[in-house]
C-alpha atoms as a PDB file:
ATOM      1  CA  GLY A   1     -37.689  12.378 -80.384  1.00  0.00           C
ATOM      2  CA  MET A   2     -34.062  12.254 -79.261  1.00  0.00           C
ATOM      3  CA  SER A   3     -34.034   8.449 -79.397  1.00  0.00           C
ATOM      4  CA  VAL A   4     -33.048   8.530 -83.068  1.00  0.00           C
ATOM      5  CA  PHE A   5     -29.962  10.631 -82.415  1.00  0.00           C
ATOM      6  CA  VAL A   6     -28.950   8.468 -79.443  1.00  0.00           C
ATOM      7  CA  CYS A   7     -29.528   5.299 -81.489  1.00  0.00           C
ATOM      8  CA  ILE A   8     -27.238   6.456 -84.288  1.00  0.00           C
ATOM      9  CA  LEU A   9     -24.553   7.607 -81.818  1.00  0.00           C
ATOM     10  CA  ILE A  10     -24.599   4.292 -79.918  1.00  0.00           C
ATOM     11  CA  SER A  11     -24.546   2.285 -83.151  1.00  0.00           C
ATOM     12  CA  SER A  12     -21.608   4.280 -84.494  1.00  0.00           C
ATOM     13  CA  LEU A  13     -19.532   5.160 -81.445  1.00  0.00           C
ATOM     14  CA  VAL A  14     -20.201   2.370 -78.922  1.00  0.00           C
ATOM     15  CA  PHE A  15     -20.889  -0.760 -80.996  1.00  0.00           C
ATOM     16  CA  ARG A  16     -19.100   0.466 -84.152  1.00  0.00           C
ATOM     17  CA  LEU A  17     -21.648  -1.157 -86.472  1.00  0.00           C
ATOM     18  CA  GLU A  18     -21.444   1.715 -88.943  1.00  0.00           C
ATOM     19  CA  LYS A  19     -19.512   4.889 -89.600  1.00  0.00           C
ATOM     20  CA  LEU A  20     -20.667   8.204 -88.136  1.00  0.00           C
ATOM     21  CA  THR A  21     -20.510  10.639 -91.040  1.00  0.00           C
ATOM     22  CA  LYS A  22     -21.087  14.367 -91.167  1.00  0.00           C
ATOM     23  CA  PHE A  23     -24.269  13.763 -93.181  1.00  0.00           C
ATOM     24  CA  LYS A  24     -25.685  11.500 -90.476  1.00  0.00           C
ATOM     25  CA  ILE A  25     -24.948  14.191 -87.894  1.00  0.00           C
ATOM     26  CA  ILE A  26     -26.503  16.908 -90.088  1.00  0.00           C
ATOM     27  CA  GLY A  27     -29.599  14.733 -90.687  1.00  0.00           C
ATOM     28  CA  CYS A  28     -29.980  14.055 -86.964  1.00  0.00           C
ATOM     29  CA  VAL A  29     -29.575  17.735 -86.087  1.00  0.00           C
ATOM     30  CA  LEU A  30     -32.233  18.702 -88.653  1.00  0.00           C
ATOM     31  CA  GLY A  31     -34.610  15.999 -87.396  1.00  0.00           C
ATOM     32  CA  THR A  32     -34.045  17.056 -83.784  1.00  0.00           C
ATOM     33  CA  ALA A  33     -34.667  20.686 -84.774  1.00  0.00           C
ATOM     34  CA  GLY A  34     -37.986  19.574 -86.272  1.00  0.00           C
ATOM     35  CA  ILE A  35     -38.932  17.888 -82.985  1.00  0.00           C
ATOM     36  CA  VAL A  36     -38.020  21.051 -81.069  1.00  0.00           C
ATOM     37  CA  VAL A  37     -40.042  23.251 -83.444  1.00  0.00           C
ATOM     38  CA  ILE A  38     -43.177  21.104 -83.185  1.00  0.00           C
ATOM     39  CA  ASN A  39     -42.950  21.207 -79.376  1.00  0.00           C
ATOM     40  CA  LEU A  40     -42.219  24.935 -78.968  1.00  0.00           C
ATOM     41  CA  ASP A  41     -45.622  25.805 -77.548  1.00  0.00           C
ATOM     42  CA  ARG A  42     -45.577  22.934 -75.056  1.00  0.00           C
ATOM     43  CA  SER A  43     -43.036  24.374 -72.580  1.00  0.00           C
ATOM     44  CA  LEU A  44     -40.222  22.213 -73.928  1.00  0.00           C
ATOM     45  CA  LEU A  45     -37.710  22.862 -71.158  1.00  0.00           C
ATOM     46  CA  SER A  46     -39.907  23.786 -68.211  1.00  0.00           C
ATOM     47  CA  GLY A  47     -39.691  21.796 -64.996  1.00  0.00           C
ATOM     48  CA  PHE A  48     -37.245  18.924 -65.549  1.00  0.00           C
ATOM     49  CA  SER A  49     -38.109  16.080 -63.183  1.00  0.00           C
ATOM     50  CA  LEU A  50     -35.808  13.138 -62.514  1.00  0.00           C
ATOM     51  CA  THR A  51     -38.720  10.742 -62.025  1.00  0.00           C
ATOM     52  CA  GLY A  52     -40.492  12.020 -65.146  1.00  0.00           C
ATOM     53  CA  ASP A  53     -38.057  13.354 -67.725  1.00  0.00           C
ATOM     54  CA  GLY A  54     -35.164  11.360 -66.257  1.00  0.00           C
ATOM     55  CA  PHE A  55     -36.965   8.076 -66.817  1.00  0.00           C
ATOM     56  CA  ILE A  56     -37.911   9.141 -70.337  1.00  0.00           C
ATOM     57  CA  LEU A  57     -34.207   9.782 -71.003  1.00  0.00           C
ATOM     58  CA  LEU A  58     -33.352   6.325 -69.619  1.00  0.00           C
ATOM     59  CA  SER A  59     -36.071   4.850 -71.843  1.00  0.00           C
ATOM     60  CA  THR A  60     -34.532   6.616 -74.835  1.00  0.00           C
ATOM     61  CA  ILE A  61     -31.127   5.130 -74.086  1.00  0.00           C
ATOM     62  CA  ALA A  62     -32.628   1.654 -73.540  1.00  0.00           C
ATOM     63  CA  TYR A  63     -34.501   1.922 -76.863  1.00  0.00           C
ATOM     64  CA  ALA A  64     -31.302   2.880 -78.668  1.00  0.00           C
ATOM     65  CA  ILE A  65     -29.348   0.026 -77.112  1.00  0.00           C
ATOM     66  CA  SER A  66     -32.116  -2.471 -77.915  1.00  0.00           C
ATOM     67  CA  SER A  67     -32.198  -1.387 -81.566  1.00  0.00           C
ATOM     68  CA  VAL A  68     -28.442  -1.816 -81.868  1.00  0.00           C
ATOM     69  CA  LEU A  69     -28.523  -5.184 -80.082  1.00  0.00           C
ATOM     70  CA  ILE A  70     -31.287  -6.391 -82.403  1.00  0.00           C
ATOM     71  CA  LYS A  71     -29.123  -5.422 -85.369  1.00  0.00           C
ATOM     72  CA  ARG A  72     -26.157  -7.217 -83.860  1.00  0.00           C
ATOM     73  CA  PHE A  73     -27.894 -10.448 -82.773  1.00  0.00           C
ATOM     74  CA  SER A  74     -30.292 -10.787 -85.720  1.00  0.00           C
ATOM     75  CA  LYS A  75     -27.419 -11.987 -87.903  1.00  0.00           C
ATOM     76  CA  ASP A  76     -27.422 -15.335 -86.106  1.00  0.00           C
ATOM     77  CA  THR A  77     -30.939 -15.490 -84.608  1.00  0.00           C
ATOM     78  CA  ASP A  78     -34.465 -15.270 -85.989  1.00  0.00           C
ATOM     79  CA  THR A  79     -35.806 -11.736 -85.434  1.00  0.00           C
ATOM     80  CA  MET A  80     -39.258 -13.023 -84.469  1.00  0.00           C
ATOM     81  CA  MET A  81     -37.713 -15.094 -81.689  1.00  0.00           C
ATOM     82  CA  LEU A  82     -35.687 -12.088 -80.528  1.00  0.00           C
ATOM     83  CA  SER A  83     -38.843  -9.963 -80.382  1.00  0.00           C
ATOM     84  CA  GLY A  84     -40.802 -12.676 -78.600  1.00  0.00           C
ATOM     85  CA  TRP A  85     -38.177 -13.238 -75.931  1.00  0.00           C
ATOM     86  CA  GLN A  86     -37.745  -9.497 -75.484  1.00  0.00           C
ATOM     87  CA  PHE A  87     -41.485  -9.018 -74.901  1.00  0.00           C
ATOM     88  CA  LEU A  88     -41.735 -12.042 -72.607  1.00  0.00           C
ATOM     89  CA  LEU A  89     -38.764 -11.127 -70.421  1.00  0.00           C
ATOM     90  CA  GLY A  90     -39.560  -7.405 -70.424  1.00  0.00           C
ATOM     91  CA  GLY A  91     -43.178  -8.071 -69.479  1.00  0.00           C
ATOM     92  CA  ALA A  92     -42.116 -10.398 -66.661  1.00  0.00           C
ATOM     93  CA  VAL A  93     -39.684  -7.819 -65.263  1.00  0.00           C
ATOM     94  CA  MET A  94     -42.303  -5.039 -65.431  1.00  0.00           C
ATOM     95  CA  THR A  95     -44.899  -7.270 -63.761  1.00  0.00           C
ATOM     96  CA  VAL A  96     -42.558  -8.120 -60.888  1.00  0.00           C
ATOM     97  CA  ILE A  97     -41.557  -4.459 -60.417  1.00  0.00           C
ATOM     98  CA  GLY A  98     -45.218  -3.401 -60.532  1.00  0.00           C
ATOM     99  CA  LEU A  99     -46.212  -5.990 -57.924  1.00  0.00           C
ATOM    100  CA  LEU A 100     -43.271  -5.063 -55.663  1.00  0.00           C
ATOM    101  CA  ALA A 101     -44.250  -1.389 -55.938  1.00  0.00           C
ATOM    102  CA  GLY A 102     -47.760  -2.118 -54.655  1.00  0.00           C
ATOM    103  CA  GLY A 103     -49.648  -2.933 -57.835  1.00  0.00           C
ATOM    104  CA  SER A 104     -52.073  -5.809 -58.077  1.00  0.00           C
ATOM    105  CA  ILE A 105     -53.432  -8.093 -60.744  1.00  0.00           C
ATOM    106  CA  THR A 106     -57.178  -7.537 -60.589  1.00  0.00           C
ATOM    107  CA  LEU A 107     -59.731  -7.613 -63.333  1.00  0.00           C
ATOM    108  CA  PRO A 108     -62.688  -5.241 -63.580  1.00  0.00           C
ATOM    109  CA  GLU A 109     -66.246  -6.496 -63.019  1.00  0.00           C
ATOM    110  CA  SER A 110     -66.690  -7.127 -66.743  1.00  0.00           C
ATOM    111  CA  PRO A 111     -63.206  -8.268 -67.781  1.00  0.00           C
ATOM    112  CA  LEU A 112     -63.899  -9.117 -71.431  1.00  0.00           C
ATOM    113  CA  PRO A 113     -63.400  -5.583 -72.874  1.00  0.00           C
ATOM    114  CA  ALA A 114     -60.257  -5.076 -70.791  1.00  0.00           C
ATOM    115  CA  VAL A 115     -58.807  -8.446 -71.790  1.00  0.00           C
ATOM    116  CA  LEU A 116     -59.625  -7.874 -75.468  1.00  0.00           C
ATOM    117  CA  MET A 117     -57.983  -4.440 -75.349  1.00  0.00           C
ATOM    118  CA  LEU A 118     -54.908  -5.927 -73.673  1.00  0.00           C
ATOM    119  CA  PHE A 119     -54.581  -8.595 -76.376  1.00  0.00           C
ATOM    120  CA  TYR A 120     -55.139  -6.018 -79.118  1.00  0.00           C
ATOM    121  CA  LEU A 121     -52.410  -3.734 -77.741  1.00  0.00           C
ATOM    122  CA  ALA A 122     -50.042  -6.676 -77.282  1.00  0.00           C
ATOM    123  CA  PHE A 123     -50.684  -7.819 -80.862  1.00  0.00           C
ATOM    124  CA  ILE A 124     -50.092  -4.343 -82.323  1.00  0.00           C
ATOM    125  CA  SER A 125     -46.887  -3.886 -80.327  1.00  0.00           C
ATOM    126  CA  ALA A 126     -45.585  -7.335 -81.236  1.00  0.00           C
ATOM    127  CA  CYS A 127     -46.296  -6.838 -84.950  1.00  0.00           C
ATOM    128  CA  ALA A 128     -44.756  -3.370 -85.067  1.00  0.00           C
ATOM    129  CA  TYR A 129     -41.651  -4.382 -83.153  1.00  0.00           C
ATOM    130  CA  SER A 130     -41.203  -7.554 -85.233  1.00  0.00           C
ATOM    131  CA  ILE A 131     -41.341  -5.508 -88.444  1.00  0.00           C
ATOM    132  CA  TRP A 132     -38.898  -3.031 -86.885  1.00  0.00           C
ATOM    133  CA  SER A 133     -36.554  -5.924 -86.041  1.00  0.00           C
ATOM    134  CA  LEU A 134     -36.720  -7.262 -89.598  1.00  0.00           C
ATOM    135  CA  LEU A 135     -35.895  -3.831 -90.990  1.00  0.00           C
ATOM    136  CA  LEU A 136     -32.922  -3.525 -88.638  1.00  0.00           C
ATOM    137  CA  LYS A 137     -31.662  -6.961 -89.644  1.00  0.00           C
ATOM    138  CA  TYR A 138     -31.260  -6.023 -93.296  1.00  0.00           C
ATOM    139  CA  ASN A 139     -30.442  -2.292 -93.077  1.00  0.00           C
ATOM    140  CA  PRO A 140     -28.023  -0.026 -91.204  1.00  0.00           C
ATOM    141  CA  VAL A 141     -29.394   1.248 -87.892  1.00  0.00           C
ATOM    142  CA  SER A 142     -29.121   4.880 -89.007  1.00  0.00           C
ATOM    143  CA  LYS A 143     -31.223   4.333 -92.152  1.00  0.00           C
ATOM    144  CA  ILE A 144     -34.087   2.800 -90.148  1.00  0.00           C
ATOM    145  CA  ALA A 145     -33.905   4.695 -86.852  1.00  0.00           C
ATOM    146  CA  VAL A 146     -34.068   8.096 -88.550  1.00  0.00           C
ATOM    147  CA  PHE A 147     -37.708   7.431 -89.458  1.00  0.00           C
ATOM    148  CA  GLY A 148     -38.438   7.723 -85.728  1.00  0.00           C
ATOM    149  CA  PHE A 149     -38.283  11.488 -86.179  1.00  0.00           C
ATOM    150  CA  MET A 150     -41.685  11.179 -87.880  1.00  0.00           C
ATOM    151  CA  ASN A 151     -43.402   9.924 -84.691  1.00  0.00           C
ATOM    152  CA  PRO A 152     -44.063  13.353 -83.114  1.00  0.00           C
ATOM    153  CA  VAL A 153     -45.013  14.856 -86.484  1.00  0.00           C
ATOM    154  CA  CYS A 154     -47.492  12.042 -87.177  1.00  0.00           C
ATOM    155  CA  GLY A 155     -48.785  12.367 -83.616  1.00  0.00           C
ATOM    156  CA  VAL A 156     -49.622  16.022 -84.152  1.00  0.00           C
ATOM    157  CA  LEU A 157     -51.243  15.329 -87.526  1.00  0.00           C
ATOM    158  CA  LEU A 158     -53.278  12.407 -86.175  1.00  0.00           C
ATOM    159  CA  SER A 159     -54.452  14.486 -83.212  1.00  0.00           C
ATOM    160  CA  ALA A 160     -55.682  17.057 -85.716  1.00  0.00           C
ATOM    161  CA  LEU A 161     -57.570  14.464 -87.735  1.00  0.00           C
ATOM    162  CA  LEU A 162     -58.911  12.283 -84.910  1.00  0.00           C
ATOM    163  CA  LEU A 163     -59.271  14.711 -82.012  1.00  0.00           C
ATOM    164  CA  GLY A 164     -60.192  17.867 -83.891  1.00  0.00           C
ATOM    165  CA  GLU A 165     -57.040  19.762 -82.902  1.00  0.00           C
ATOM    166  CA  ALA A 166     -56.561  21.273 -86.339  1.00  0.00           C
ATOM    167  CA  GLN A 167     -55.450  24.708 -85.116  1.00  0.00           C
ATOM    168  CA  GLN A 168     -52.420  23.134 -83.377  1.00  0.00           C
ATOM    169  CA  ALA A 169     -51.477  20.823 -86.237  1.00  0.00           C
ATOM    170  CA  PHE A 170     -51.993  22.999 -89.290  1.00  0.00           C
ATOM    171  CA  ARG A 171     -49.797  25.922 -88.349  1.00  0.00           C
ATOM    172  CA  LEU A 172     -46.501  27.246 -89.638  1.00  0.00           C
ATOM    173  CA  GLU A 173     -44.467  25.477 -86.940  1.00  0.00           C
ATOM    174  CA  SER A 174     -45.880  22.088 -87.965  1.00  0.00           C
ATOM    175  CA  LEU A 175     -44.976  22.688 -91.603  1.00  0.00           C
ATOM    176  CA  ILE A 176     -41.447  23.777 -90.643  1.00  0.00           C
ATOM    177  CA  ALA A 177     -41.095  20.685 -88.427  1.00  0.00           C
ATOM    178  CA  LEU A 178     -42.253  18.419 -91.250  1.00  0.00           C
ATOM    179  CA  VAL A 179     -39.751  19.972 -93.662  1.00  0.00           C
ATOM    180  CA  LEU A 180     -36.873  19.689 -91.136  1.00  0.00           C
ATOM    181  CA  VAL A 181     -37.690  16.077 -90.265  1.00  0.00           C
ATOM    182  CA  SER A 182     -38.088  15.105 -93.927  1.00  0.00           C
ATOM    183  CA  ALA A 183     -34.792  16.800 -94.789  1.00  0.00           C
ATOM    184  CA  GLY A 184     -33.088  14.933 -91.950  1.00  0.00           C
ATOM    185  CA  ILE A 185     -34.447  11.585 -93.146  1.00  0.00           C
ATOM    186  CA  PHE A 186     -33.422  12.332 -96.740  1.00  0.00           C
ATOM    187  CA  ILE A 187     -29.890  13.397 -95.783  1.00  0.00           C
ATOM    188  CA  VAL A 188     -29.249  10.349 -93.573  1.00  0.00           C
ATOM    189  CA  ASN A 189     -30.618   7.902 -96.154  1.00  0.00           C
ATOM    190  CA  LYS A 190     -29.238   9.429 -99.348  1.00  0.00           C
ATOM    191  CA  MET A 191     -25.932  10.908 -98.197  1.00  0.00           C
ATOM    192  CA  GLY A 192     -25.283   9.224 -94.839  1.00  0.00           C
ATOM    193  CA  GLU A 193     -22.683   6.782 -96.160  1.00  0.00           C
ATOM    194  CA  LYS A 194     -20.602   9.539 -97.773  1.00  0.00           C
ATOM    195  CA  ASN A 195     -17.841  11.389 -95.924  1.00  0.00           C
END
């Protein structure tokens, strides 16, 4: 959930693609507070691990940098090509690292379901990221990235609907988180360009 805040900070302070206003900071703080509230019962700060939480933090920073770079390079390049090259090169790097770390490329005895699932997941990821890239091309990073605060909230709500975890989703903390996240999105999008 912190990727949104990092994305806006990198866009504003490192690449200087937009101005960091007090409303953007307030919106990010409210959205982050919503993420904290929805995760309160999940031992939010217990047992930090460099190989677990540390890599998630690195992933957050990489996501923020990639969003800003897409915004920057999409002015001169087709966003679909950017997404395609990013997936191709990223997949190649992950495959090489996986093989060097002892992984192997083996198919199960009946490979058709596994291959179909792999293509389905690749298609969904490619479509979602291509749409994300198009949105970043035509809008400020802060106005698009702030919607990322909805990911944990939607995750909790979908787990209630699909997995029957209604008692976790439909509780006061979830409502408070939804209000905080929605307020953060509203403030960044409606007042974020003001001083």
